[in-house]
Amino acid sequence: CLFLGVCGDEFSVLRSPQSVVFRDGSWPIPGERIPDVAALSMGFSVEDDLSWPGLAVGDLFHRPRATVLVTVKGVDKLALPVKGVSYPIENAVPFSLDSVANAIHTLFSEETPVVLQLAPSEERVYMVGKANSVFEDLSVTLRQLRNRLFQDNSILSSLPLNSLSRNNEVDLLFLSELQVLHDIASLLSRHKHLAKDHSPDLYSLELAGLEEVGKRYGEDSQQFKDASQILVDSLQKFADEMFNLYSGNAVVEVVAVKTFNSPLTRKTRSILQSSQSETENPYNLAYPYNYNYSVIFNIILWMMIGLALAVIVISYNLWNMDPGYDSIIYRMTNQKIRMD
């Protein structure tokens, strides 16, 4: 079922190539497994198997060249058009695409792919690879975003504001996030060769302007309704532009989350890690094996068996070799030298 009215948060796929198959259905996806869905759709492996039936195998030899994930905070459902497919989110917890970015860096380090992670409301930006040169003119701070809105070629000249105001800071924050979407597609269109290389690109954007509009005016206000409609139109336009820039070989996803169940915490290494491990494992139990253990064990086992058999065969042939017949030294010399 496409975009059925379900309660709770929502994971939507706006555009995807034929090589990535998302099945129609209302299967809930765990919030902490959204990065794994992005990784599997790009052809990367994950540590834990994903038993979610929404993502099919697809074409293993043709993987998308870009993944665009936009997280919208403050609303549990967007009135997106019936072009893609959506799934309810179960246990919406904060997530990040750091694991996907690390996989791209590891496998395509020499090709310097584009990796852009941006949260305009928090002034948080992370650019790696060719993104440093492509998006060097992108506005990332609140001051830069405000100045960008009042330039001649901003979205204010073409966007119907309706009940939103240019003089309100909350409205300007919401509009500045839409400006970022427009500028990303615009800057990438000037460097189309980056969308045609063999390295995959990653775009992760977090938009919180709609949440601030709901807090300022209320979710039943006309400002919130107008902002939601403007956001839907901008997201659809942004998805179409990114999909076309990558010649139809990109996955564009939207995560609509009312509120996260817990704050985002990143794993850090503590100087007290050794003492903590002793309290967590008081019975001195062995650590759980990695899922690659059986593969590595078989590789090492059969390699050692093969080497042992090769040593035995070579040693046996050398022991039973006839120097006068088998040795190349005696065969390549004449009879007189052998007699001497």
Foldseek 3Di string as FASTA:
>chain_A
DAPDDDDFAKKWWQAAFQQKAFDADAFADEQACPLVVVQVQQLHDDQDDDPGPRTDNGDNVAGFQEEAEEEEEADRDAPADRRTGMYHYDQNADYDNVVVVVVLCVPPVPVFAWEWAAEQVVLDIDTTGCCCVLCVVQDRHPVSLLVQCPDPPFCVVPADQVPADNPDPLSSLLSSLLRNLVVVLVSCVVVLVSLVDDRHYYHYYYYHSLNSVCVVQNCPDPNSVSSSVSVSVSLSVSVVSVCVSNPNRYIYMYIYHHDHPDDDDDDDDDPCVVVVVCVVCVPPDDDDDGPCVVVVVVVVVVVVVVVVVVVVVVVVCVVPDDCCPPPPVNVVDDPVVVVD
